[in-house]
């Protein structure tokens, strides 16, 4: 029973629901923020990323030796592209390595692997610069494969490039070559490219304009279809 002349002490009822068991208070918010900062500072950083460029004279077994050099450091390839023109070649590589691997050590190992006929440069990539295409589904819907075969006329290539630029498109990969036609003996041009459209809404308009260009130029063949390849959008660092 309460004591006369004193306020009765009421015991707070025990929390019975999750909402009652956890109440937001400024003090609790400060403690939570402090704990999160301490946790993030204690977590080890992610593995370092490197971008390697190799240019020089092509030789048999070069890619094998390069891959062995990467593996010798416990590193892995996130992306690689190679192009060969005659006896010249260029290789671009995105490398993920253990935290103990330094840029100098990786460049030294790769330089030995490629030999004196090629030059190798390795650069560190900042975490924010590494993009493995988080919106892969959306990007796939906007990506098209452009193929173009025509007589060797630079004005046609420029017209197509002007159209894609005006529509806000980006060419993420491109390969091109010239060849002699079987029937006319003239020089022809073939292009194969991966095009990232700014939006799915303008794909039909781009397709229609490409068909107009092809119809107005004899011997020009253009296709702008859904891409059947997967591309990694890291090589802008080249």
Protein backbone atom coordinates (compact mmCIF):
# COMPACT_ATOMS: atom_id res chain seq x y z
CA UNK A 1 0.00 0.00 0.00
CA UNK A 2 1.24 3.57 -0.65
CA UNK A 3 2.82 5.48 2.23
CA UNK A 4 0.82 8.46 3.38
CA UNK A 5 2.19 11.79 2.12
CA UNK A 6 4.34 10.27 -0.62
CA UNK A 7 3.61 9.81 -4.27
CA UNK A 8 2.85 6.22 -5.13
CA UNK A 9 5.59 4.57 -7.26
CA UNK A 10 4.15 2.93 -10.29
CA UNK A 11 6.17 0.23 -11.97
CA UNK A 12 6.36 0.64 -15.75
CA UNK A 13 4.62 -2.27 -17.50
CA UNK A 14 6.93 -4.70 -19.28
CA UNK A 15 7.10 -4.35 -23.05
CA UNK A 16 5.15 -7.03 -24.83
CA UNK A 17 5.46 -6.01 -28.52
CA UNK A 18 8.48 -5.31 -30.77
CA UNK A 19 7.40 -1.67 -31.04
CA UNK A 20 7.36 -1.35 -27.25
CA UNK A 21 10.64 -3.21 -26.82
CA UNK A 22 12.61 -0.81 -29.05
CA UNK A 23 12.05 2.91 -28.76
CA UNK A 24 13.96 5.47 -30.79
CA UNK A 25 15.73 7.96 -28.57
CA UNK A 26 18.54 10.45 -29.38
CA UNK A 27 20.89 8.62 -27.05
CA UNK A 28 20.16 5.27 -28.72
CA UNK A 29 20.70 6.85 -32.16
CA UNK A 30 24.10 8.20 -31.11
CA UNK A 31 25.17 4.81 -29.76
CA UNK A 32 24.04 3.10 -32.98
CA UNK A 33 25.94 5.56 -35.19
CA UNK A 34 29.09 5.14 -33.10
CA UNK A 35 28.87 1.35 -33.33
CA UNK A 36 28.44 1.47 -37.08
CA UNK A 37 31.48 3.71 -37.51
CA UNK A 38 33.56 1.40 -35.36
CA UNK A 39 32.39 -1.64 -37.33
CA UNK A 40 33.14 -0.06 -40.72
CA UNK A 41 36.60 1.08 -39.64
CA UNK A 42 37.41 -2.42 -38.36
CA UNK A 43 36.35 -4.13 -41.61
CA UNK A 44 39.25 -4.83 -44.00
CA UNK A 45 39.16 -3.04 -47.39
CA UNK A 46 38.15 -4.93 -50.50
CA UNK A 47 40.68 -6.54 -52.83
CA UNK A 48 42.64 -4.10 -55.01
CA UNK A 49 41.76 -3.74 -58.67
CA UNK A 50 44.29 -3.08 -61.42
CA UNK A 51 44.02 -2.14 -65.07
CA UNK A 52 46.77 -3.52 -67.32
CA UNK A 53 47.61 -2.52 -70.90
CA UNK A 54 49.93 -4.58 -73.09
CA UNK A 55 50.99 -3.35 -76.53
CA UNK A 56 53.59 -4.68 -78.92
CA UNK A 57 54.51 -7.43 -81.34
CA UNK A 58 52.30 -10.49 -81.22
CA UNK A 59 53.85 -13.88 -80.56
CA UNK A 60 52.55 -17.39 -80.08
CA UNK A 61 51.79 -18.22 -76.42
CA UNK A 62 51.62 -14.61 -75.22
CA UNK A 63 48.20 -14.95 -73.57
CA UNK A 64 49.21 -18.21 -71.90
CA UNK A 65 52.27 -16.57 -70.36
CA UNK A 66 50.25 -13.54 -69.31
CA UNK A 67 47.60 -15.64 -67.58
CA UNK A 68 50.28 -17.61 -65.74
CA UNK A 69 51.84 -14.36 -64.50
CA UNK A 70 48.48 -13.20 -63.15
CA UNK A 71 47.85 -16.55 -61.48
CA UNK A 72 51.33 -16.55 -59.89
CA UNK A 73 50.21 -13.68 -57.64
CA UNK A 74 46.92 -15.35 -56.74
CA UNK A 75 45.10 -12.76 -58.85
CA UNK A 76 42.13 -13.28 -61.16
CA UNK A 77 40.88 -11.68 -64.37
CA UNK A 78 37.60 -9.81 -64.13
CA UNK A 79 37.71 -8.86 -67.81
CA UNK A 80 40.12 -9.14 -70.73
CA UNK A 81 40.07 -8.01 -74.34
CA UNK A 82 42.65 -8.62 -77.02
CA UNK A 83 42.97 -7.34 -80.55
CA UNK A 84 45.50 -8.28 -83.21
CA UNK A 85 46.23 -6.30 -86.35
CA UNK A 86 48.87 -7.98 -88.46
CA UNK A 87 51.81 -8.70 -86.20
CA UNK A 88 50.76 -6.02 -83.69
CA UNK A 89 48.49 -6.69 -80.72
CA UNK A 90 46.93 -4.91 -77.77
CA UNK A 91 45.55 -6.50 -74.59
CA UNK A 92 43.40 -4.79 -71.93
CA UNK A 93 42.89 -6.54 -68.59
CA UNK A 94 40.96 -5.81 -65.42
CA UNK A 95 42.72 -7.72 -62.63
CA UNK A 96 41.51 -8.41 -59.09
CA UNK A 97 44.37 -9.29 -56.74
CA UNK A 98 44.92 -10.14 -53.05
CA UNK A 99 45.60 -7.16 -50.79
CA UNK A 100 49.26 -8.18 -50.49
CA UNK A 101 49.89 -7.64 -54.22
CA UNK A 102 51.35 -4.27 -55.22
CA UNK A 103 51.18 -2.54 -58.57
CA UNK A 104 54.97 -2.67 -59.01
CA UNK A 105 55.13 -6.40 -58.34
CA UNK A 106 52.30 -7.15 -60.77
CA UNK A 107 53.77 -4.96 -63.51
CA UNK A 108 57.22 -6.54 -63.07
CA UNK A 109 55.78 -10.06 -63.39
CA UNK A 110 53.68 -9.18 -66.45
CA UNK A 111 56.58 -7.40 -68.15
CA UNK A 112 58.72 -10.51 -67.79
CA UNK A 113 55.88 -12.65 -69.15
CA UNK A 114 55.24 -10.58 -72.30
CA UNK A 115 58.96 -10.23 -73.08
CA UNK A 116 60.98 -7.39 -74.60
CA UNK A 117 58.86 -7.12 -77.76
CA UNK A 118 55.88 -5.66 -75.87
CA UNK A 119 55.30 -2.93 -73.29
CA UNK A 120 53.15 -3.43 -70.18
CA UNK A 121 51.63 -0.73 -67.96
CA UNK A 122 49.65 -1.52 -64.79
CA UNK A 123 47.57 1.12 -63.02
CA UNK A 124 45.50 0.86 -59.83
CA UNK A 125 41.77 1.40 -60.12
CA UNK A 126 39.84 3.35 -57.52
CA UNK A 127 36.89 1.41 -56.01
CA UNK A 128 34.42 3.91 -57.44
CA UNK A 129 35.83 3.43 -60.94
CA UNK A 130 35.17 -0.31 -60.96
CA UNK A 131 31.82 -1.11 -62.54
CA UNK A 132 30.72 -4.65 -63.29
CA UNK A 133 27.38 -3.50 -64.61
CA UNK A 134 25.03 -3.62 -61.61
CA UNK A 135 22.06 -2.87 -63.92
CA UNK A 136 22.82 -5.81 -66.18
CA UNK A 137 19.16 -6.55 -66.97
CA UNK A 138 18.32 -2.96 -67.88
CA UNK A 139 21.51 -2.53 -69.88
CA UNK A 140 20.85 -5.75 -71.81
CA UNK A 141 17.44 -4.44 -72.86
CA UNK A 142 19.03 -1.23 -74.20
CA UNK A 143 21.94 -2.92 -75.96
CA UNK A 144 21.92 -3.69 -79.66
CA UNK A 145 24.40 -5.27 -82.05
CA UNK A 146 25.17 -3.16 -85.06
CA UNK A 147 26.59 -4.85 -88.16
CA UNK A 148 27.42 -2.89 -91.28
CA UNK A 149 28.85 -4.00 -94.61
CA UNK A 150 29.44 -1.53 -97.39
CA UNK A 151 31.83 -0.40 -100.10
CA UNK A 152 34.81 1.47 -98.68
CA UNK A 153 33.08 4.84 -98.21
CA UNK A 154 34.01 6.83 -95.11
CA UNK A 155 30.96 9.09 -95.53
CA UNK A 156 28.63 6.15 -94.79
CA UNK A 157 30.46 5.29 -91.59
CA UNK A 158 30.38 8.94 -90.51
CA UNK A 159 26.63 9.14 -91.23
CA UNK A 160 25.93 6.15 -88.97
CA UNK A 161 28.25 7.52 -86.25
CA UNK A 162 26.48 10.91 -86.41
CA UNK A 163 23.10 9.20 -86.00
CA UNK A 164 24.17 7.17 -82.97
CA UNK A 165 25.77 10.20 -81.32
CA UNK A 166 22.68 12.35 -81.86
CA UNK A 167 20.53 9.63 -80.24
CA UNK A 168 22.79 9.51 -77.17
CA UNK A 169 24.19 6.04 -77.92
CA UNK A 170 27.54 4.72 -76.71
CA UNK A 171 29.66 2.19 -78.59
CA UNK A 172 31.12 -0.12 -75.94
CA UNK A 173 32.87 -2.53 -78.33
CA UNK A 174 33.70 -2.34 -82.00
CA UNK A 175 35.56 -4.44 -84.56
CA UNK A 176 36.10 -3.54 -88.19
CA UNK A 177 38.02 -4.86 -91.17
CA UNK A 178 38.38 -4.32 -94.90
CA UNK A 179 38.24 -7.02 -97.55
CA UNK A 180 38.16 -7.43 -101.31
CA UNK A 181 34.76 -8.34 -102.75
CA UNK A 182 34.42 -11.71 -104.50
CA UNK A 183 32.35 -10.40 -107.40
CA UNK A 184 33.49 -6.83 -108.05
CA UNK A 185 37.07 -6.98 -106.77
CA UNK A 186 36.51 -3.67 -104.96
CA UNK A 187 37.47 -2.85 -101.41
CA UNK A 188 34.67 -3.33 -98.86
CA UNK A 189 34.26 -2.52 -95.19
CA UNK A 190 32.66 -4.63 -92.43
CA UNK A 191 31.85 -3.34 -88.94
CA UNK A 192 30.54 -5.19 -85.88
CA UNK A 193 29.76 -3.16 -82.75
CA UNK A 194 27.95 -3.32 -79.42
CA UNK A 195 25.79 -0.21 -78.99
CA UNK A 196 24.33 0.94 -75.66
CA UNK A 197 21.22 2.98 -76.36
CA UNK A 198 20.25 5.77 -73.99
CA UNK A 199 16.71 4.38 -73.69
CA UNK A 200 14.61 1.56 -75.06
CA UNK A 201 12.17 4.21 -76.30
CA UNK A 202 14.44 5.45 -79.09
CA UNK A 203 15.52 2.05 -80.44
CA UNK A 204 12.72 1.94 -83.02
CA UNK A 205 13.60 5.44 -84.22
CA UNK A 206 17.27 4.50 -84.59
CA UNK A 207 16.36 1.33 -86.49
CA UNK A 208 14.12 3.29 -88.85
CA UNK A 209 16.80 5.89 -89.60
CA UNK A 210 19.41 3.17 -90.22
CA UNK A 211 17.06 1.51 -92.69
CA UNK A 212 16.62 4.86 -94.45
CA UNK A 213 20.41 5.27 -94.76
CA UNK A 214 20.78 1.72 -96.09
CA UNK A 215 17.96 2.19 -98.62
CA UNK A 216 19.56 5.35 -100.01
CA UNK A 217 22.98 3.80 -100.57
CA UNK A 218 23.51 0.89 -102.93
CA UNK A 219 25.57 -1.96 -101.51
CA UNK A 220 25.11 -0.90 -97.88
CA UNK A 221 23.77 -3.57 -95.53
CA UNK A 222 22.91 -2.67 -91.90
CA UNK A 223 21.38 -4.68 -89.08
CA UNK A 224 20.53 -3.38 -85.61
CA UNK A 225 19.39 -6.39 -83.59
CA UNK A 226 19.33 -7.52 -79.98
CA UNK A 227 22.82 -8.34 -78.78
CA UNK A 228 23.70 -11.99 -78.20
CA UNK A 229 26.87 -11.15 -76.25
CA UNK A 230 27.62 -10.06 -72.68
CA UNK A 231 29.87 -7.03 -72.39
CA UNK A 232 31.62 -5.65 -69.28
CA UNK A 233 31.69 -1.87 -69.20
CA UNK A 234 35.11 -1.31 -67.76
CA UNK A 235 37.21 -0.61 -70.80
CA UNK A 236 36.43 3.12 -70.80
CA UNK A 237 39.68 3.29 -68.80
CA UNK A 238 41.56 2.42 -71.97
